[in-house]
N, C-alpha and C. Protein backbone atom coordinates (compact mmCIF):
# COMPACT_ATOMS: atom_id res chain seq x y z
N MET A 1 36.49 -67.06 -1.12
CA MET A 1 35.22 -66.38 -1.20
C MET A 1 34.12 -67.30 -1.74
N ASP A 2 34.46 -68.54 -2.03
CA ASP A 2 33.48 -69.45 -2.62
C ASP A 2 32.21 -69.57 -1.76
N ALA A 3 32.39 -69.74 -0.47
CA ALA A 3 31.23 -69.93 0.41
C ALA A 3 30.33 -68.70 0.42
N TRP A 4 30.93 -67.50 0.40
CA TRP A 4 30.12 -66.28 0.37
C TRP A 4 29.37 -66.14 -0.94
N MET A 5 30.02 -66.50 -2.03
CA MET A 5 29.36 -66.39 -3.33
C MET A 5 28.17 -67.36 -3.42
N ILE A 6 28.35 -68.54 -2.90
CA ILE A 6 27.25 -69.52 -2.87
C ILE A 6 26.14 -69.01 -1.96
N PHE A 7 26.50 -68.44 -0.82
CA PHE A 7 25.51 -67.91 0.12
C PHE A 7 24.63 -66.85 -0.53
N PHE A 8 25.25 -65.88 -1.21
CA PHE A 8 24.49 -64.77 -1.78
C PHE A 8 23.65 -65.16 -3.00
N THR A 9 23.95 -66.28 -3.59
CA THR A 9 23.20 -66.70 -4.78
C THR A 9 22.12 -67.73 -4.45
N ASP A 10 22.09 -68.20 -3.23
CA ASP A 10 21.19 -69.27 -2.83
C ASP A 10 19.77 -68.77 -2.60
N ARG A 11 18.80 -69.46 -3.19
CA ARG A 11 17.40 -69.04 -3.03
C ARG A 11 16.91 -69.21 -1.60
N PHE A 12 17.56 -70.05 -0.81
CA PHE A 12 17.16 -70.21 0.59
C PHE A 12 17.63 -69.04 1.44
N VAL A 13 18.43 -68.17 0.88
CA VAL A 13 18.77 -66.89 1.50
C VAL A 13 17.81 -65.83 0.98
N TRP A 14 17.51 -65.88 -0.30
CA TRP A 14 16.61 -64.91 -0.92
C TRP A 14 15.22 -64.95 -0.32
N PHE A 15 14.64 -66.13 -0.26
CA PHE A 15 13.23 -66.23 0.16
C PHE A 15 12.98 -65.66 1.55
N PRO A 16 13.79 -65.99 2.56
CA PRO A 16 13.55 -65.34 3.87
C PRO A 16 13.76 -63.83 3.82
N ALA A 17 14.74 -63.38 3.05
CA ALA A 17 14.97 -61.93 2.93
C ALA A 17 13.77 -61.26 2.26
N TYR A 18 13.25 -61.86 1.22
CA TYR A 18 12.07 -61.31 0.54
C TYR A 18 10.85 -61.32 1.44
N PHE A 19 10.72 -62.35 2.25
CA PHE A 19 9.60 -62.44 3.19
C PHE A 19 9.66 -61.31 4.21
N VAL A 20 10.84 -61.04 4.74
CA VAL A 20 11.02 -59.95 5.71
C VAL A 20 10.72 -58.60 5.04
N ILE A 21 11.17 -58.44 3.80
CA ILE A 21 10.89 -57.20 3.07
C ILE A 21 9.38 -57.03 2.88
N ALA A 22 8.70 -58.12 2.51
CA ALA A 22 7.24 -58.06 2.32
C ALA A 22 6.52 -57.70 3.62
N LEU A 23 6.96 -58.28 4.73
CA LEU A 23 6.36 -57.94 6.04
C LEU A 23 6.58 -56.46 6.37
N ALA A 24 7.80 -55.99 6.17
CA ALA A 24 8.10 -54.58 6.47
C ALA A 24 7.28 -53.65 5.58
N LEU A 25 7.15 -53.99 4.31
CA LEU A 25 6.36 -53.15 3.40
C LEU A 25 4.89 -53.17 3.79
N GLY A 26 4.39 -54.34 4.18
CA GLY A 26 3.00 -54.43 4.63
C GLY A 26 2.75 -53.56 5.85
N TYR A 27 3.71 -53.56 6.77
CA TYR A 27 3.58 -52.74 7.98
C TYR A 27 3.66 -51.25 7.65
N LEU A 28 4.63 -50.87 6.82
CA LEU A 28 4.83 -49.46 6.50
C LEU A 28 3.73 -48.88 5.61
N TYR A 29 3.29 -49.66 4.63
CA TYR A 29 2.37 -49.12 3.63
C TYR A 29 0.90 -49.38 3.93
N LYS A 30 0.63 -50.19 4.92
CA LYS A 30 -0.76 -50.47 5.34
C LYS A 30 -1.65 -50.81 4.13
N ARG A 31 -2.67 -49.99 3.86
CA ARG A 31 -3.61 -50.27 2.77
C ARG A 31 -2.93 -50.22 1.40
N ARG A 32 -1.97 -49.36 1.25
CA ARG A 32 -1.29 -49.24 -0.04
C ARG A 32 -0.50 -50.51 -0.37
N ALA A 33 -0.19 -51.30 0.65
CA ALA A 33 0.54 -52.55 0.41
C ALA A 33 -0.27 -53.51 -0.44
N ARG A 34 -1.60 -53.35 -0.45
CA ARG A 34 -2.44 -54.20 -1.30
C ARG A 34 -2.18 -53.97 -2.78
N LEU A 35 -1.65 -52.83 -3.11
CA LEU A 35 -1.25 -52.53 -4.49
C LEU A 35 0.25 -52.73 -4.66
N LEU A 36 1.03 -52.28 -3.68
CA LEU A 36 2.48 -52.32 -3.78
C LEU A 36 3.02 -53.75 -3.86
N LEU A 37 2.58 -54.62 -2.97
CA LEU A 37 3.14 -55.98 -2.94
C LEU A 37 2.82 -56.79 -4.19
N PRO A 38 1.58 -56.76 -4.70
CA PRO A 38 1.35 -57.48 -5.96
C PRO A 38 2.16 -56.92 -7.14
N LEU A 39 2.33 -55.61 -7.19
CA LEU A 39 3.12 -55.03 -8.28
C LEU A 39 4.60 -55.34 -8.13
N LEU A 40 5.09 -55.40 -6.91
CA LEU A 40 6.47 -55.83 -6.68
C LEU A 40 6.62 -57.28 -7.14
N GLY A 41 5.67 -58.13 -6.76
CA GLY A 41 5.70 -59.52 -7.20
C GLY A 41 5.61 -59.64 -8.71
N LEU A 42 4.76 -58.83 -9.33
CA LEU A 42 4.63 -58.84 -10.79
C LEU A 42 5.94 -58.45 -11.45
N SER A 43 6.61 -57.48 -10.88
CA SER A 43 7.89 -57.02 -11.42
C SER A 43 8.90 -58.17 -11.45
N VAL A 44 9.03 -58.86 -10.33
CA VAL A 44 9.98 -59.98 -10.24
C VAL A 44 9.52 -61.13 -11.15
N LEU A 45 8.22 -61.40 -11.14
CA LEU A 45 7.68 -62.48 -11.98
C LEU A 45 7.92 -62.20 -13.46
N LEU A 46 7.70 -60.97 -13.89
CA LEU A 46 7.95 -60.60 -15.29
C LEU A 46 9.42 -60.78 -15.66
N SER A 47 10.30 -60.27 -14.83
CA SER A 47 11.73 -60.38 -15.15
C SER A 47 12.17 -61.83 -15.18
N ASP A 48 11.65 -62.64 -14.27
CA ASP A 48 12.01 -64.05 -14.23
C ASP A 48 11.46 -64.79 -15.45
N ALA A 49 10.19 -64.58 -15.75
CA ALA A 49 9.56 -65.28 -16.87
C ALA A 49 10.17 -64.88 -18.21
N ILE A 50 10.41 -63.60 -18.40
CA ILE A 50 10.97 -63.15 -19.67
C ILE A 50 12.40 -63.67 -19.84
N SER A 51 13.19 -63.64 -18.75
CA SER A 51 14.57 -64.10 -18.87
C SER A 51 14.65 -65.61 -19.09
N SER A 52 13.86 -66.38 -18.36
CA SER A 52 14.00 -67.84 -18.44
C SER A 52 13.14 -68.49 -19.51
N ARG A 53 12.01 -67.88 -19.85
CA ARG A 53 11.11 -68.53 -20.82
C ARG A 53 11.15 -67.92 -22.21
N VAL A 54 11.73 -66.72 -22.32
CA VAL A 54 11.81 -66.08 -23.63
C VAL A 54 13.26 -66.01 -24.10
N PHE A 55 14.10 -65.32 -23.35
CA PHE A 55 15.47 -65.08 -23.80
C PHE A 55 16.32 -66.35 -23.83
N LYS A 56 16.32 -67.12 -22.76
CA LYS A 56 17.20 -68.30 -22.72
C LYS A 56 16.91 -69.28 -23.85
N PRO A 57 15.64 -69.68 -24.07
CA PRO A 57 15.40 -70.61 -25.19
C PRO A 57 15.63 -69.97 -26.57
N TYR A 58 15.31 -68.68 -26.70
CA TYR A 58 15.46 -68.02 -28.00
C TYR A 58 16.93 -67.91 -28.41
N PHE A 59 17.77 -67.41 -27.50
CA PHE A 59 19.18 -67.22 -27.83
C PHE A 59 19.99 -68.51 -27.69
N ALA A 60 19.58 -69.40 -26.79
CA ALA A 60 20.22 -70.70 -26.60
C ALA A 60 21.75 -70.60 -26.50
N ARG A 61 22.22 -69.59 -25.78
CA ARG A 61 23.67 -69.43 -25.59
C ARG A 61 24.10 -70.24 -24.39
N LEU A 62 25.07 -71.09 -24.59
CA LEU A 62 25.55 -71.94 -23.51
C LEU A 62 26.14 -71.10 -22.38
N ARG A 63 25.92 -71.56 -21.17
CA ARG A 63 26.58 -70.94 -20.02
C ARG A 63 28.09 -71.19 -20.14
N PRO A 64 28.91 -70.36 -19.52
CA PRO A 64 30.36 -70.61 -19.58
C PRO A 64 30.72 -72.01 -19.08
N CYS A 65 30.01 -72.47 -18.06
CA CYS A 65 30.32 -73.78 -17.48
C CYS A 65 29.88 -74.94 -18.38
N HIS A 66 29.05 -74.69 -19.37
CA HIS A 66 28.64 -75.71 -20.33
C HIS A 66 29.38 -75.58 -21.66
N ASP A 67 30.10 -74.50 -21.84
CA ASP A 67 30.86 -74.28 -23.07
C ASP A 67 32.08 -75.20 -23.07
N PRO A 68 32.21 -76.10 -24.03
CA PRO A 68 33.33 -77.03 -24.03
C PRO A 68 34.70 -76.36 -24.09
N ASN A 69 34.76 -75.16 -24.68
CA ASN A 69 36.03 -74.45 -24.76
C ASN A 69 36.42 -73.79 -23.43
N LEU A 70 35.46 -73.54 -22.58
CA LEU A 70 35.73 -72.84 -21.32
C LEU A 70 35.61 -73.73 -20.09
N SER A 71 34.73 -74.69 -20.12
CA SER A 71 34.38 -75.44 -18.91
C SER A 71 35.58 -76.09 -18.23
N GLU A 72 36.56 -76.50 -19.00
CA GLU A 72 37.75 -77.13 -18.41
C GLU A 72 38.60 -76.14 -17.62
N THR A 73 38.50 -74.86 -17.93
CA THR A 73 39.32 -73.85 -17.26
C THR A 73 38.63 -73.24 -16.04
N LEU A 74 37.36 -73.55 -15.84
CA LEU A 74 36.61 -72.94 -14.74
C LEU A 74 36.70 -73.79 -13.48
N ASN A 75 36.71 -73.11 -12.35
CA ASN A 75 36.66 -73.77 -11.06
C ASN A 75 35.21 -73.71 -10.57
N LEU A 76 34.45 -74.73 -10.89
CA LEU A 76 33.03 -74.74 -10.54
C LEU A 76 32.86 -75.24 -9.11
N VAL A 77 32.41 -74.38 -8.24
CA VAL A 77 32.25 -74.74 -6.83
C VAL A 77 30.81 -74.99 -6.43
N HIS A 78 29.87 -74.73 -7.35
CA HIS A 78 28.46 -74.84 -6.98
C HIS A 78 27.60 -75.39 -8.12
N GLY A 79 28.16 -76.23 -8.95
CA GLY A 79 27.40 -76.76 -10.07
C GLY A 79 27.29 -75.74 -11.19
N CYS A 80 26.44 -76.10 -12.17
CA CYS A 80 26.39 -75.25 -13.35
C CYS A 80 25.01 -74.70 -13.66
N GLY A 81 23.97 -75.34 -13.25
CA GLY A 81 22.63 -74.85 -13.58
C GLY A 81 22.19 -75.33 -14.95
N GLY A 82 21.16 -74.69 -15.48
CA GLY A 82 20.61 -75.07 -16.77
C GLY A 82 21.61 -74.89 -17.89
N GLN A 83 21.26 -75.36 -19.06
CA GLN A 83 22.18 -75.34 -20.19
C GLN A 83 22.44 -73.93 -20.72
N PHE A 84 21.39 -73.10 -20.78
CA PHE A 84 21.52 -71.78 -21.39
C PHE A 84 21.56 -70.68 -20.34
N GLY A 85 22.28 -69.59 -20.67
CA GLY A 85 22.49 -68.56 -19.66
C GLY A 85 22.11 -67.14 -20.02
N PHE A 86 21.77 -66.86 -21.26
CA PHE A 86 21.45 -65.48 -21.61
C PHE A 86 19.94 -65.31 -21.54
N ILE A 87 19.48 -64.64 -20.61
CA ILE A 87 19.84 -63.58 -19.66
C ILE A 87 19.90 -64.19 -18.25
N SER A 88 20.70 -63.61 -17.37
CA SER A 88 20.76 -64.06 -15.99
C SER A 88 19.46 -63.74 -15.25
N SER A 89 18.75 -64.79 -14.87
CA SER A 89 17.51 -64.60 -14.10
C SER A 89 17.80 -64.07 -12.71
N HIS A 90 18.91 -64.51 -12.11
CA HIS A 90 19.28 -64.00 -10.78
C HIS A 90 19.45 -62.48 -10.83
N ALA A 91 20.19 -62.00 -11.83
CA ALA A 91 20.42 -60.56 -11.95
C ALA A 91 19.11 -59.84 -12.24
N ALA A 92 18.31 -60.38 -13.13
CA ALA A 92 17.04 -59.75 -13.48
C ALA A 92 16.14 -59.65 -12.25
N ASN A 93 16.03 -60.73 -11.50
CA ASN A 93 15.15 -60.73 -10.32
C ASN A 93 15.66 -59.81 -9.23
N ALA A 94 16.95 -59.86 -8.97
CA ALA A 94 17.52 -59.01 -7.91
C ALA A 94 17.36 -57.53 -8.25
N PHE A 95 17.62 -57.16 -9.50
CA PHE A 95 17.48 -55.76 -9.88
C PHE A 95 16.03 -55.35 -10.00
N SER A 96 15.16 -56.27 -10.35
CA SER A 96 13.74 -55.96 -10.39
C SER A 96 13.25 -55.55 -9.00
N LEU A 97 13.59 -56.34 -8.01
CA LEU A 97 13.20 -56.02 -6.63
C LEU A 97 13.83 -54.71 -6.17
N ALA A 98 15.13 -54.58 -6.37
CA ALA A 98 15.85 -53.41 -5.89
C ALA A 98 15.37 -52.13 -6.55
N VAL A 99 15.27 -52.12 -7.86
CA VAL A 99 14.88 -50.90 -8.57
C VAL A 99 13.44 -50.52 -8.26
N PHE A 100 12.54 -51.50 -8.19
CA PHE A 100 11.15 -51.19 -7.84
C PHE A 100 11.10 -50.48 -6.49
N LEU A 101 11.77 -51.03 -5.49
CA LEU A 101 11.73 -50.42 -4.16
C LEU A 101 12.43 -49.07 -4.12
N ILE A 102 13.49 -48.93 -4.87
CA ILE A 102 14.18 -47.64 -4.93
C ILE A 102 13.26 -46.57 -5.51
N LEU A 103 12.46 -46.95 -6.49
CA LEU A 103 11.55 -45.99 -7.12
C LEU A 103 10.34 -45.66 -6.26
N VAL A 104 9.88 -46.58 -5.43
CA VAL A 104 8.65 -46.31 -4.68
C VAL A 104 8.89 -45.88 -3.23
N LEU A 105 10.04 -46.24 -2.66
CA LEU A 105 10.30 -45.83 -1.28
C LEU A 105 10.61 -44.34 -1.22
N PRO A 106 10.16 -43.67 -0.15
CA PRO A 106 10.48 -42.24 -0.02
C PRO A 106 11.98 -42.01 0.22
N PRO A 107 12.44 -40.79 -0.04
CA PRO A 107 13.86 -40.48 0.09
C PRO A 107 14.46 -40.77 1.47
N ARG A 108 13.66 -40.73 2.52
CA ARG A 108 14.23 -40.94 3.85
C ARG A 108 14.75 -42.37 4.04
N PHE A 109 14.40 -43.27 3.14
CA PHE A 109 14.90 -44.65 3.20
C PHE A 109 16.16 -44.82 2.35
N TRP A 110 17.00 -43.81 2.31
CA TRP A 110 18.20 -43.82 1.47
C TRP A 110 19.13 -44.97 1.82
N LEU A 111 19.26 -45.30 3.10
CA LEU A 111 20.15 -46.39 3.48
C LEU A 111 19.62 -47.73 2.98
N VAL A 112 18.33 -47.93 3.07
CA VAL A 112 17.71 -49.15 2.54
C VAL A 112 17.95 -49.25 1.04
N LYS A 113 17.84 -48.13 0.35
CA LYS A 113 18.05 -48.11 -1.10
C LYS A 113 19.49 -48.50 -1.44
N ILE A 114 20.43 -48.00 -0.68
CA ILE A 114 21.83 -48.36 -0.91
C ILE A 114 22.03 -49.85 -0.67
N LEU A 115 21.46 -50.37 0.41
CA LEU A 115 21.59 -51.80 0.71
C LEU A 115 20.96 -52.66 -0.39
N LEU A 116 19.84 -52.22 -0.94
CA LEU A 116 19.20 -52.97 -2.02
C LEU A 116 20.09 -53.03 -3.26
N ILE A 117 20.72 -51.93 -3.60
CA ILE A 117 21.62 -51.93 -4.76
C ILE A 117 22.84 -52.80 -4.49
N VAL A 118 23.39 -52.70 -3.29
CA VAL A 118 24.54 -53.55 -2.94
C VAL A 118 24.14 -55.02 -3.04
N TRP A 119 22.95 -55.37 -2.54
CA TRP A 119 22.45 -56.75 -2.62
C TRP A 119 22.33 -57.19 -4.09
N ALA A 120 21.72 -56.38 -4.92
CA ALA A 120 21.52 -56.74 -6.32
C ALA A 120 22.85 -56.89 -7.06
N VAL A 121 23.78 -55.98 -6.82
CA VAL A 121 25.10 -56.06 -7.46
C VAL A 121 25.83 -57.30 -6.98
N THR A 122 25.75 -57.59 -5.69
CA THR A 122 26.43 -58.77 -5.14
C THR A 122 25.86 -60.05 -5.75
N VAL A 123 24.53 -60.17 -5.77
CA VAL A 123 23.90 -61.35 -6.36
C VAL A 123 24.33 -61.49 -7.82
N SER A 124 24.35 -60.40 -8.54
CA SER A 124 24.73 -60.43 -9.95
C SER A 124 26.18 -60.84 -10.13
N TYR A 125 27.06 -60.31 -9.30
CA TYR A 125 28.48 -60.65 -9.40
C TYR A 125 28.71 -62.14 -9.12
N THR A 126 27.95 -62.68 -8.18
CA THR A 126 28.15 -64.10 -7.85
C THR A 126 27.95 -64.99 -9.06
N ARG A 127 27.08 -64.60 -9.96
CA ARG A 127 26.79 -65.41 -11.15
C ARG A 127 28.01 -65.53 -12.05
N MET A 128 28.78 -64.46 -12.15
CA MET A 128 30.01 -64.51 -12.95
C MET A 128 31.10 -65.25 -12.18
N TYR A 129 31.22 -64.96 -10.90
CA TYR A 129 32.23 -65.61 -10.06
C TYR A 129 32.07 -67.12 -10.10
N LEU A 130 30.83 -67.60 -10.03
CA LEU A 130 30.57 -69.03 -10.00
C LEU A 130 30.66 -69.68 -11.39
N GLY A 131 30.90 -68.90 -12.43
CA GLY A 131 31.12 -69.43 -13.77
C GLY A 131 29.86 -69.84 -14.50
N VAL A 132 28.70 -69.32 -14.07
CA VAL A 132 27.45 -69.72 -14.71
C VAL A 132 26.90 -68.65 -15.66
N HIS A 133 27.52 -67.47 -15.68
CA HIS A 133 27.08 -66.41 -16.59
C HIS A 133 28.26 -65.59 -17.07
N TYR A 134 28.13 -65.11 -18.28
CA TYR A 134 29.06 -64.12 -18.83
C TYR A 134 28.64 -62.74 -18.32
N PRO A 135 29.56 -61.77 -18.33
CA PRO A 135 29.18 -60.42 -17.91
C PRO A 135 28.00 -59.86 -18.71
N SER A 136 27.92 -60.16 -20.00
CA SER A 136 26.81 -59.66 -20.81
C SER A 136 25.47 -60.27 -20.36
N ASP A 137 25.49 -61.51 -19.87
CA ASP A 137 24.26 -62.12 -19.33
C ASP A 137 23.76 -61.33 -18.13
N VAL A 138 24.70 -60.95 -17.28
CA VAL A 138 24.36 -60.21 -16.06
C VAL A 138 23.91 -58.80 -16.39
N LEU A 139 24.61 -58.15 -17.31
CA LEU A 139 24.21 -56.79 -17.70
C LEU A 139 22.82 -56.78 -18.34
N ALA A 140 22.55 -57.75 -19.19
CA ALA A 140 21.22 -57.84 -19.81
C ALA A 140 20.16 -58.13 -18.75
N GLY A 141 20.48 -58.97 -17.77
CA GLY A 141 19.54 -59.24 -16.68
C GLY A 141 19.29 -58.00 -15.84
N THR A 142 20.33 -57.23 -15.61
CA THR A 142 20.19 -55.98 -14.87
C THR A 142 19.25 -55.03 -15.61
N LEU A 143 19.42 -54.92 -16.91
CA LEU A 143 18.57 -54.04 -17.72
C LEU A 143 17.13 -54.53 -17.74
N LEU A 144 16.93 -55.83 -17.95
CA LEU A 144 15.58 -56.39 -17.98
C LEU A 144 14.87 -56.19 -16.65
N GLY A 145 15.54 -56.52 -15.55
CA GLY A 145 14.94 -56.34 -14.23
C GLY A 145 14.62 -54.90 -13.92
N SER A 146 15.50 -54.01 -14.32
CA SER A 146 15.27 -52.58 -14.09
C SER A 146 14.09 -52.07 -14.89
N LEU A 147 13.95 -52.53 -16.13
CA LEU A 147 12.81 -52.11 -16.96
C LEU A 147 11.49 -52.64 -16.42
N ALA A 148 11.47 -53.90 -15.99
CA ALA A 148 10.25 -54.46 -15.40
C ALA A 148 9.89 -53.69 -14.12
N ALA A 149 10.90 -53.37 -13.33
CA ALA A 149 10.67 -52.62 -12.09
C ALA A 149 10.13 -51.23 -12.38
N TRP A 150 10.71 -50.57 -13.37
CA TRP A 150 10.26 -49.22 -13.73
C TRP A 150 8.79 -49.25 -14.16
N ALA A 151 8.43 -50.21 -15.00
CA ALA A 151 7.05 -50.29 -15.48
C ALA A 151 6.08 -50.54 -14.33
N CYS A 152 6.43 -51.47 -13.44
CA CYS A 152 5.54 -51.78 -12.31
C CYS A 152 5.49 -50.64 -11.30
N ALA A 153 6.61 -49.94 -11.11
CA ALA A 153 6.61 -48.78 -10.21
C ALA A 153 5.73 -47.67 -10.77
N LYS A 154 5.74 -47.48 -12.08
CA LYS A 154 4.85 -46.49 -12.70
C LYS A 154 3.39 -46.88 -12.48
N LEU A 155 3.06 -48.15 -12.62
CA LEU A 155 1.70 -48.62 -12.35
C LEU A 155 1.32 -48.35 -10.89
N TYR A 156 2.26 -48.59 -9.99
CA TYR A 156 1.99 -48.31 -8.57
C TYR A 156 1.71 -46.83 -8.36
N GLN A 157 2.54 -45.98 -8.93
CA GLN A 157 2.36 -44.53 -8.76
C GLN A 157 1.04 -44.06 -9.35
N LEU A 158 0.64 -44.63 -10.48
CA LEU A 158 -0.67 -44.29 -11.06
C LEU A 158 -1.81 -44.75 -10.14
N GLY A 159 -1.68 -45.93 -9.59
CA GLY A 159 -2.70 -46.45 -8.67
C GLY A 159 -2.82 -45.60 -7.41
N VAL A 160 -1.70 -45.16 -6.88
CA VAL A 160 -1.71 -44.31 -5.68
C VAL A 160 -2.42 -42.99 -6.00
N LYS A 161 -2.12 -42.42 -7.14
CA LYS A 161 -2.78 -41.16 -7.52
C LYS A 161 -4.29 -41.35 -7.68
N ARG A 162 -4.67 -42.50 -8.18
CA ARG A 162 -6.09 -42.73 -8.43
C ARG A 162 -6.87 -43.06 -7.15
N TRP A 163 -6.30 -43.95 -6.31
CA TRP A 163 -7.07 -44.45 -5.16
C TRP A 163 -6.72 -43.82 -3.82
N TRP A 164 -5.49 -43.35 -3.67
CA TRP A 164 -5.08 -42.82 -2.36
C TRP A 164 -4.49 -41.42 -2.46
N HIS A 165 -4.96 -40.63 -3.38
CA HIS A 165 -4.39 -39.30 -3.60
C HIS A 165 -4.52 -38.39 -2.38
N SER A 166 -5.48 -38.64 -1.52
CA SER A 166 -5.66 -37.73 -0.37
C SER A 166 -4.94 -38.24 0.89
N GLU A 167 -4.50 -39.49 0.89
CA GLU A 167 -3.81 -40.02 2.08
C GLU A 167 -2.35 -39.58 2.07
N PRO A 168 -1.79 -39.36 3.24
CA PRO A 168 -0.36 -39.01 3.30
C PRO A 168 0.50 -40.22 2.91
N ALA A 169 1.64 -39.93 2.33
CA ALA A 169 2.58 -40.99 1.94
C ALA A 169 3.22 -41.62 3.17
N VAL A 170 3.95 -42.68 2.95
CA VAL A 170 4.62 -43.40 4.04
C VAL A 170 5.65 -42.52 4.69
């Protein structure tokens, strides 16, 4: 499963997927996309910045692959990444995107919502599989990303009520 784990964690897979999502949202939401897309971006940006610029340097917890007591026992198939791992930025970013869209998409997009959660869980699991994060790193990233998404989704909902209250929803 090494190749699949590397595939799902690779940013060159993420970026095209995010681009397609942004295009689809722009098409579906039309004028509302001018608010939705920046807030989606803000959600991911917040989760990424807080995890990598606040938590990782503050806690300075070594990744499993950098821990001298563990690194010899790990089968590292894709390198190790930066020195510190608490909180997982991959998990935070994936859940930020998924939770934001789950909160703002209408119920008829239930299958898309399921796929988003499966994507976020898969990306998060790959971080443990590849030996670059502890489960607590991933759980904390999941929580951080979900909180950033919730806050930005609330801002989106407030903006819709203020500026597009008379337009029909998507």
